[in-house]
Amino acid sequence: MASGVASEALSNPKRWVVIYPAYIDKKKTSKQGRKISKLLAVENPTSIEIHDVLAAVGFNPLLERTKCYPRDGERDFEVQGRVRVQLKNDDGTPKHTQKTRDEVFKMVAEMIPKLKTRQPGYTPQAAPTSSAAGGKKNKKKK
C-alpha cells in the first residue's frame, strides 16, 4: 500500500522538483551541494533570479523565500529560499522540453548571466515616493 508523497498527483507542488541556489553556485563544492559542473555554474545565484528565469522560459515556478538549504551553514538572507517547478504532467508525460532536473539546472545556470540585473552598468530603480499617488495627507486634528 503506497502512502505519503509518492501516492499524490504529479501536479501537487509537493511532487515538484526543488531548486536551491546552492545547486548552481560556482563558489560551492559538490559536498556543499553544487549539482552541476563548475564550468556551467553561476556565481552567487539567488532564488529570485532562478524564479525569474523559470517564469520567463514558460515554467510555472513556485518561490518559497523562507526555506533554507539544509547544508548551508550561513543562512544568509540573500541566498535563502528555494524554487519548486513541475516537470511532469499527471499522466507522466514531460511538461516542457527540459525533461530532467539536471537539464533544468543547466538551463537556469545558462540563463542567469543574461538577466538584466546581471549586466554591467545596471542600477536598480528606486520606488516612487510621490505623495500625490494616494498617500496620506497631513491633516491637523481639530
C-alpha atoms as a PDB file:
ATOM      1  CA  MET A   1       0.000   0.000   0.000  1.00  0.00           C
ATOM      2  CA  ALA A   2       1.523   3.317  -1.110  1.00  0.00           C
ATOM      3  CA  SER A   3       1.422   6.213   1.298  1.00  0.00           C
ATOM      4  CA  GLY A   4       2.808   9.702   1.641  1.00  0.00           C
ATOM      5  CA  VAL A   5       4.021  11.938  -1.139  1.00  0.00           C
ATOM      6  CA  ALA A   6       4.530   9.187  -3.757  1.00  0.00           C
ATOM      7  CA  SER A   7       0.789   8.490  -3.947  1.00  0.00           C
ATOM      8  CA  GLU A   8      -0.103  12.123  -4.728  1.00  0.00           C
ATOM      9  CA  ALA A   9      -0.615  13.520  -8.225  1.00  0.00           C
ATOM     10  CA  LEU A  10       2.380  14.934 -10.104  1.00  0.00           C
ATOM     11  CA  SER A  11       0.611  18.301 -10.295  1.00  0.00           C
ATOM     12  CA  ASN A  12       0.801  18.628  -6.499  1.00  0.00           C
ATOM     13  CA  PRO A  13       3.584  21.121  -5.591  1.00  0.00           C
ATOM     14  CA  LYS A  14       4.962  18.621  -3.062  1.00  0.00           C
ATOM     15  CA  ARG A  15       5.983  16.416  -6.021  1.00  0.00           C
ATOM     16  CA  TRP A  16       7.692  19.204  -7.982  1.00  0.00           C
ATOM     17  CA  VAL A  17      11.467  19.471  -8.398  1.00  0.00           C
ATOM     18  CA  VAL A  18      13.161  21.705  -5.822  1.00  0.00           C
ATOM     19  CA  ILE A  19      15.963  24.064  -6.876  1.00  0.00           C
ATOM     20  CA  TYR A  20      18.130  25.686  -4.221  1.00  0.00           C
ATOM     21  CA  PRO A  21      20.632  28.408  -5.256  1.00  0.00           C
ATOM     22  CA  ALA A  22      23.447  26.202  -3.901  1.00  0.00           C
ATOM     23  CA  TYR A  23      22.734  23.658  -6.670  1.00  0.00           C
ATOM     24  CA  ILE A  24      24.086  26.030  -9.328  1.00  0.00           C
ATOM     25  CA  ASP A  25      26.516  28.180  -7.275  1.00  0.00           C
ATOM     26  CA  LYS A  26      30.055  28.243  -8.682  1.00  0.00           C
ATOM     27  CA  LYS A  27      31.540  29.006  -5.255  1.00  0.00           C
ATOM     28  CA  LYS A  28      30.125  25.833  -3.689  1.00  0.00           C
ATOM     29  CA  THR A  29      31.804  22.452  -3.811  1.00  0.00           C
ATOM     30  CA  SER A  30      29.932  19.291  -4.661  1.00  0.00           C
ATOM     31  CA  LYS A  31      29.967  18.406  -0.946  1.00  0.00           C
ATOM     32  CA  GLN A  32      28.367  21.764  -0.181  1.00  0.00           C
ATOM     33  CA  GLY A  33      25.557  20.991  -2.608  1.00  0.00           C
ATOM     34  CA  ARG A  34      26.542  22.068  -6.122  1.00  0.00           C
ATOM     35  CA  LYS A  35      24.826  19.705  -8.587  1.00  0.00           C
ATOM     36  CA  ILE A  36      26.296  20.845 -11.925  1.00  0.00           C
ATOM     37  CA  SER A  37      29.801  21.340 -13.324  1.00  0.00           C
ATOM     38  CA  LYS A  38      31.755  24.388 -12.165  1.00  0.00           C
ATOM     39  CA  LEU A  39      32.138  25.380 -15.815  1.00  0.00           C
ATOM     40  CA  LEU A  40      28.359  25.705 -16.134  1.00  0.00           C
ATOM     41  CA  ALA A  41      27.662  27.121 -12.668  1.00  0.00           C
ATOM     42  CA  VAL A  42      26.978  30.778 -11.798  1.00  0.00           C
ATOM     43  CA  GLU A  43      28.423  32.947  -9.033  1.00  0.00           C
ATOM     44  CA  ASN A  44      26.019  33.839  -6.238  1.00  0.00           C
ATOM     45  CA  PRO A  45      22.638  32.945  -7.754  1.00  0.00           C
ATOM     46  CA  THR A  46      19.531  33.891  -5.784  1.00  0.00           C
ATOM     47  CA  SER A  47      16.188  32.161  -5.551  1.00  0.00           C
ATOM     48  CA  ILE A  48      14.555  35.239  -7.091  1.00  0.00           C
ATOM     49  CA  GLU A  49      16.818  35.021 -10.153  1.00  0.00           C
ATOM     50  CA  ILE A  50      16.028  31.318 -10.509  1.00  0.00           C
ATOM     51  CA  HIS A  51      12.306  32.081 -10.272  1.00  0.00           C
ATOM     52  CA  ASP A  52      12.568  34.889 -12.847  1.00  0.00           C
ATOM     53  CA  VAL A  53      14.410  32.681 -15.350  1.00  0.00           C
ATOM     54  CA  LEU A  54      11.942  29.803 -14.990  1.00  0.00           C
ATOM     55  CA  ALA A  55       8.960  32.136 -15.326  1.00  0.00           C
ATOM     56  CA  ALA A  56      10.440  33.753 -18.456  1.00  0.00           C
ATOM     57  CA  VAL A  57      11.019  30.369 -20.103  1.00  0.00           C
ATOM     58  CA  GLY A  58       7.415  29.275 -19.539  1.00  0.00           C
ATOM     59  CA  PHE A  59       7.513  27.180 -16.387  1.00  0.00           C
ATOM     60  CA  ASN A  60       5.097  27.937 -13.580  1.00  0.00           C
ATOM     61  CA  PRO A  61       7.583  28.155 -10.664  1.00  0.00           C
ATOM     62  CA  LEU A  62       6.688  28.447  -7.005  1.00  0.00           C
ATOM     63  CA  LEU A  63       9.051  30.634  -4.935  1.00  0.00           C
ATOM     64  CA  GLU A  64       9.464  29.709  -1.269  1.00  0.00           C
ATOM     65  CA  ARG A  65      11.558  32.535   0.211  1.00  0.00           C
ATOM     66  CA  THR A  66      11.601  31.373   3.836  1.00  0.00           C
ATOM     67  CA  LYS A  67      13.195  27.980   3.128  1.00  0.00           C
ATOM     68  CA  CYS A  68      16.924  27.356   3.648  1.00  0.00           C
ATOM     69  CA  TYR A  69      19.222  24.793   2.096  1.00  0.00           C
ATOM     70  CA  PRO A  70      19.974  22.254   4.847  1.00  0.00           C
ATOM     71  CA  ARG A  71      23.719  22.019   4.094  1.00  0.00           C
ATOM     72  CA  ASP A  72      24.199  25.782   4.102  1.00  0.00           C
ATOM     73  CA  GLY A  73      25.623  26.901   7.432  1.00  0.00           C
ATOM     74  CA  GLU A  74      25.479  30.633   6.691  1.00  0.00           C
ATOM     75  CA  ARG A  75      21.707  31.013   6.430  1.00  0.00           C
ATOM     76  CA  ASP A  76      22.306  34.253   4.541  1.00  0.00           C
ATOM     77  CA  PHE A  77      19.059  36.063   3.740  1.00  0.00           C
ATOM     78  CA  GLU A  78      20.208  36.875   0.191  1.00  0.00           C
ATOM     79  CA  VAL A  79      20.664  33.236  -0.843  1.00  0.00           C
ATOM     80  CA  GLN A  80      17.823  31.970   1.307  1.00  0.00           C
ATOM     81  CA  GLY A  81      14.876  30.413  -0.455  1.00  0.00           C
ATOM     82  CA  ARG A  82      14.084  27.720  -2.954  1.00  0.00           C
ATOM     83  CA  VAL A  83      12.041  27.324  -6.104  1.00  0.00           C
ATOM     84  CA  ARG A  84       9.727  24.443  -6.951  1.00  0.00           C
ATOM     85  CA  VAL A  85       8.929  23.598 -10.560  1.00  0.00           C
ATOM     86  CA  GLN A  86       6.703  20.969 -12.178  1.00  0.00           C
ATOM     87  CA  LEU A  87       8.448  18.780 -14.756  1.00  0.00           C
ATOM     88  CA  LYS A  88       5.750  16.170 -15.496  1.00  0.00           C
ATOM     89  CA  ASN A  89       2.016  16.180 -16.062  1.00  0.00           C
ATOM     90  CA  ASP A  90      -0.234  13.887 -14.017  1.00  0.00           C
ATOM     91  CA  ASP A  91      -0.051  11.211 -16.722  1.00  0.00           C
ATOM     92  CA  GLY A  92       3.784  11.200 -16.553  1.00  0.00           C
ATOM     93  CA  THR A  93       4.472  12.988 -19.836  1.00  0.00           C
ATOM     94  CA  PRO A  94       7.069  15.798 -19.779  1.00  0.00           C
ATOM     95  CA  LYS A  95       5.567  19.248 -19.307  1.00  0.00           C
ATOM     96  CA  HIS A  96       8.454  21.088 -21.052  1.00  0.00           C
ATOM     97  CA  THR A  97      11.421  20.383 -23.309  1.00  0.00           C
ATOM     98  CA  GLN A  98      13.651  20.067 -20.235  1.00  0.00           C
ATOM     99  CA  LYS A  99      12.745  16.557 -19.115  1.00  0.00           C
ATOM    100  CA  THR A 100      15.154  16.038 -16.198  1.00  0.00           C
ATOM    101  CA  ARG A 101      16.184  18.089 -13.204  1.00  0.00           C
ATOM    102  CA  ASP A 102      19.785  18.260 -14.484  1.00  0.00           C
ATOM    103  CA  GLU A 103      18.584  19.807 -17.755  1.00  0.00           C
ATOM    104  CA  VAL A 104      16.628  22.406 -15.762  1.00  0.00           C
ATOM    105  CA  PHE A 105      19.656  23.191 -13.543  1.00  0.00           C
ATOM    106  CA  LYS A 106      21.874  23.690 -16.607  1.00  0.00           C
ATOM    107  CA  MET A 107      19.286  25.819 -18.411  1.00  0.00           C
ATOM    108  CA  VAL A 108      18.825  28.077 -15.361  1.00  0.00           C
ATOM    109  CA  ALA A 109      22.603  28.446 -14.891  1.00  0.00           C
ATOM    110  CA  GLU A 110      22.941  29.362 -18.564  1.00  0.00           C
ATOM    111  CA  MET A 111      20.172  31.989 -18.416  1.00  0.00           C
ATOM    112  CA  ILE A 112      21.017  33.787 -15.144  1.00  0.00           C
ATOM    113  CA  PRO A 113      24.050  35.686 -16.548  1.00  0.00           C
ATOM    114  CA  LYS A 114      21.771  37.026 -19.307  1.00  0.00           C
ATOM    115  CA  LEU A 115      19.394  38.677 -16.826  1.00  0.00           C
ATOM    116  CA  LYS A 116      19.199  42.453 -16.955  1.00  0.00           C
ATOM    117  CA  THR A 117      20.192  42.679 -13.277  1.00  0.00           C
ATOM    118  CA  ARG A 118      23.452  40.842 -14.046  1.00  0.00           C
ATOM    119  CA  GLN A 119      24.508  43.163 -16.875  1.00  0.00           C
ATOM    120  CA  PRO A 120      27.320  45.664 -16.210  1.00  0.00           C
ATOM    121  CA  GLY A 121      26.097  49.171 -15.536  1.00  0.00           C
ATOM    122  CA  TYR A 122      22.704  48.075 -14.188  1.00  0.00           C
ATOM    123  CA  THR A 123      21.357  50.262 -11.393  1.00  0.00           C
ATOM    124  CA  PRO A 124      18.157  49.286  -9.612  1.00  0.00           C
ATOM    125  CA  GLN A 125      15.395  51.840  -9.903  1.00  0.00           C
ATOM    126  CA  ALA A 126      14.138  53.391  -6.696  1.00  0.00           C
ATOM    127  CA  ALA A 127      10.482  53.028  -5.820  1.00  0.00           C
ATOM    128  CA  PRO A 128       8.438  56.169  -6.441  1.00  0.00           C
ATOM    129  CA  THR A 129       7.886  58.191  -3.272  1.00  0.00           C
ATOM    130  CA  SER A 130       5.260  60.572  -4.584  1.00  0.00           C
ATOM    131  CA  SER A 131       2.609  61.512  -2.030  1.00  0.00           C
ATOM    132  CA  ALA A 132       0.203  62.518  -4.797  1.00  0.00           C
ATOM    133  CA  ALA A 133      -0.416  58.898  -5.683  1.00  0.00           C
ATOM    134  CA  GLY A 134      -2.835  58.226  -2.848  1.00  0.00           C
ATOM    135  CA  GLY A 135      -0.550  58.677   0.130  1.00  0.00           C
ATOM    136  CA  LYS A 136      -1.625  60.127   3.463  1.00  0.00           C
ATOM    137  CA  LYS A 137      -2.068  63.864   3.589  1.00  0.00           C
ATOM    138  CA  ASN A 138      -1.011  65.979   6.506  1.00  0.00           C
ATOM    139  CA  LYS A 139      -4.205  66.862   8.324  1.00  0.00           C
ATOM    140  CA  LYS A 140      -4.444  68.675  11.597  1.00  0.00           C
ATOM    141  CA  LYS A 141      -6.641  67.341  14.368  1.00  0.00           C
ATOM    142  CA  LYS A 142      -9.389  69.643  15.476  1.00  0.00           C
END
